[in-house]
Amino acid sequence: MFFDKLNALYAWQENLSFIISLSLLLLSLILFVMFVLNILLPTKVVVFVMLLIAAMVDYYGVVLGVLIDKTMIQNVAETNLAEAQEIINLGLFSRVIFMAILPAALLLFIQVKNITWLQRLRQQAISITMIMVLIPILIAPFSAQYTEFFSST
């Protein structure tokens, strides 16, 4: 859904390098959030939470055509129980089971190397620093397109 709207604004044939840059920027931002959360929480917990959020966002985006933005998050926070029960259904549960719960269950079988908290903090700091260096590199060549993109969304 996101890339459909992106393609409507920027035809991929003429803007392929910008779309690749934007895709890498989004990936970098997601990894940044995951690395920051991973400072405080175990890796498997962070991955499970991200899978759960992604499954729900995917359901509302693909099935209901809802784009999650600041206003939508505010609406969710202000929703009462009766309204919430209308949008929680079997489709949402099946999506969450197949896109979050089952992959998370597979994570239980993956062995994560035990390292000290200080080693993990060092690895996270290096990763976060690398992402913070990468983000301006991705944005700089397309600053005009990014300005237009973020002002139109």
Protein backbone atom coordinates (compact mmCIF):
# COMPACT_ATOMS: atom_id res chain seq x y z
CA MET A 1 0.00 0.00 0.00
CA PHE A 2 2.78 2.43 0.90
CA PHE A 3 4.70 1.67 -2.27
CA ASP A 4 1.51 1.94 -4.37
CA LYS A 5 1.01 5.48 -3.07
CA LEU A 6 4.71 6.18 -3.50
CA ASN A 7 4.57 4.98 -7.10
CA ALA A 8 1.56 7.25 -7.70
CA LEU A 9 3.65 10.24 -6.59
CA TYR A 10 6.97 9.09 -8.04
CA ALA A 11 6.86 6.76 -11.01
CA TRP A 12 9.53 4.17 -10.37
CA GLN A 13 10.86 4.33 -13.92
CA GLU A 14 12.01 7.95 -13.45
CA ASN A 15 12.72 7.81 -9.70
CA LEU A 16 14.22 4.39 -9.09
CA SER A 17 17.26 5.69 -7.21
CA PHE A 18 15.05 7.83 -4.92
CA ILE A 19 12.72 4.89 -4.22
CA ILE A 20 15.71 2.67 -3.39
CA SER A 21 17.06 5.41 -1.13
CA LEU A 22 13.68 5.78 0.58
CA SER A 23 13.39 2.01 1.04
CA LEU A 24 16.85 1.89 2.62
CA LEU A 25 15.97 4.89 4.78
CA LEU A 26 12.84 3.15 6.07
CA LEU A 27 14.82 -0.01 6.76
CA SER A 28 17.45 2.06 8.57
CA LEU A 29 14.82 3.75 10.72
CA ILE A 30 13.22 0.43 11.64
CA LEU A 31 16.62 -1.02 12.54
CA PHE A 32 17.42 2.11 14.55
CA VAL A 33 14.24 1.66 16.63
CA MET A 34 14.98 -2.04 17.07
CA PHE A 35 18.57 -1.41 18.19
CA VAL A 36 17.49 1.27 20.65
CA LEU A 37 14.79 -1.01 22.10
CA ASN A 38 17.29 -3.84 22.22
CA ILE A 39 19.42 -1.88 24.67
CA LEU A 40 16.72 -2.41 27.29
CA LEU A 41 14.89 -5.51 26.09
CA PRO A 42 16.03 -8.95 24.94
CA THR A 43 16.39 -9.38 21.18
CA LYS A 44 13.58 -11.93 20.90
CA VAL A 45 11.15 -9.64 22.74
CA VAL A 46 11.98 -6.73 20.41
CA VAL A 47 11.53 -8.91 17.31
CA PHE A 48 8.23 -10.31 18.63
CA VAL A 49 6.86 -6.82 19.35
CA MET A 50 7.90 -5.62 15.88
CA LEU A 51 6.29 -8.68 14.25
CA LEU A 52 3.09 -8.09 16.22
CA ILE A 53 2.93 -4.43 15.24
CA ALA A 54 3.74 -5.24 11.61
CA ALA A 55 1.01 -7.90 11.43
CA MET A 56 -1.63 -5.51 12.77
CA VAL A 57 -0.52 -2.61 10.57
CA ASP A 58 -0.48 -4.97 7.57
CA TYR A 59 -4.01 -6.16 8.32
CA TYR A 60 -5.46 -2.67 8.59
CA GLY A 61 -3.50 -1.46 5.56
CA VAL A 62 -4.15 -4.36 3.19
CA VAL A 63 -7.62 -5.50 4.27
CA LEU A 64 -9.19 -2.23 5.37
CA GLY A 65 -7.11 0.19 3.30
CA VAL A 66 -6.18 2.22 6.38
CA LEU A 67 -2.86 4.03 6.39
CA ILE A 68 -1.43 4.27 9.90
CA ASP A 69 -0.33 7.83 10.70
CA LYS A 70 -0.29 10.18 13.71
CA THR A 71 -4.02 10.83 13.48
CA MET A 72 -4.82 7.12 13.29
CA ILE A 73 -2.67 6.40 16.36
CA GLN A 74 -4.47 9.19 18.23
CA ASN A 75 -7.84 7.71 17.18
CA VAL A 76 -6.77 4.30 18.48
CA ALA A 77 -5.81 5.86 21.82
CA GLU A 78 -9.23 7.52 22.05
CA THR A 79 -11.24 4.46 20.96
CA ASN A 80 -13.64 2.94 23.46
CA LEU A 81 -14.22 -0.79 23.96
CA ALA A 82 -17.36 -0.94 21.78
CA GLU A 83 -15.56 0.64 18.81
CA ALA A 84 -12.54 -1.61 19.30
CA GLN A 85 -14.70 -4.75 19.27
CA GLU A 86 -16.01 -3.79 15.81
CA ILE A 87 -12.58 -3.86 14.21
CA ILE A 88 -11.12 -6.84 16.10
CA ASN A 89 -12.23 -9.91 14.19
CA LEU A 90 -11.18 -13.33 12.96
CA GLY A 91 -9.28 -11.85 10.03
CA LEU A 92 -7.12 -9.79 12.36
CA PHE A 93 -6.51 -12.78 14.63
CA SER A 94 -5.54 -15.04 11.73
CA ARG A 95 -3.19 -12.39 10.37
CA VAL A 96 -1.56 -11.97 13.79
CA ILE A 97 -1.24 -15.73 14.25
CA PHE A 98 0.35 -16.35 10.85
CA MET A 99 2.47 -13.19 10.61
CA ALA A 100 3.51 -12.72 14.25
CA ILE A 101 2.83 -15.65 16.57
CA LEU A 102 4.13 -18.45 14.30
CA PRO A 103 7.30 -16.58 13.26
CA ALA A 104 7.87 -15.66 16.91
CA ALA A 105 7.47 -19.32 17.86
CA LEU A 106 10.18 -20.17 15.33
CA LEU A 107 12.40 -17.62 17.07
CA LEU A 108 12.31 -19.79 20.16
CA PHE A 109 14.35 -22.37 18.29
CA ILE A 110 17.06 -19.88 17.32
CA GLN A 111 19.91 -19.78 19.76
CA VAL A 112 21.14 -16.28 20.53
CA LYS A 113 24.75 -16.09 21.63
CA ASN A 114 24.95 -15.08 25.27
CA ILE A 115 27.09 -12.00 25.70
CA THR A 116 27.50 -9.63 28.59
CA TRP A 117 25.31 -6.58 28.88
CA LEU A 118 28.34 -4.37 28.26
CA GLN A 119 29.23 -6.25 25.05
CA ARG A 120 25.64 -5.96 23.86
CA LEU A 121 25.59 -2.24 24.67
CA ARG A 122 28.81 -1.78 22.70
CA GLN A 123 27.38 -3.66 19.69
CA GLN A 124 24.17 -1.62 19.85
CA ALA A 125 26.13 1.65 20.06
CA ILE A 126 28.19 0.71 17.00
CA SER A 127 25.07 -0.29 15.06
CA ILE A 128 23.19 2.87 16.03
CA THR A 129 26.19 5.02 15.09
CA MET A 130 26.47 3.31 11.69
CA ILE A 131 22.77 3.92 11.03
CA MET A 132 23.08 7.57 12.06
CA VAL A 133 25.95 7.95 9.57
CA LEU A 134 24.02 6.12 6.84
CA ILE A 135 20.81 8.18 7.11
CA PRO A 136 22.31 11.52 5.93
CA ILE A 137 24.16 9.68 3.17
CA LEU A 138 20.83 8.30 1.94
CA ILE A 139 19.03 11.64 2.19
CA ALA A 140 21.67 14.07 0.85
CA PRO A 141 21.54 13.20 -2.88
CA PHE A 142 17.74 13.43 -2.90
CA SER A 143 17.11 16.29 -0.47
CA ALA A 144 14.67 18.05 -2.82
CA GLN A 145 12.67 14.86 -3.37
CA TYR A 146 12.63 14.07 0.36
CA THR A 147 11.41 17.59 1.14
CA GLU A 148 8.61 17.22 -1.41
CA PHE A 149 7.80 13.68 -0.23
CA PHE A 150 7.55 14.54 3.47
CA SER A 151 5.56 17.74 2.82
CA SER A 152 3.04 15.82 0.67
CA THR A 153 2.44 13.01 3.17
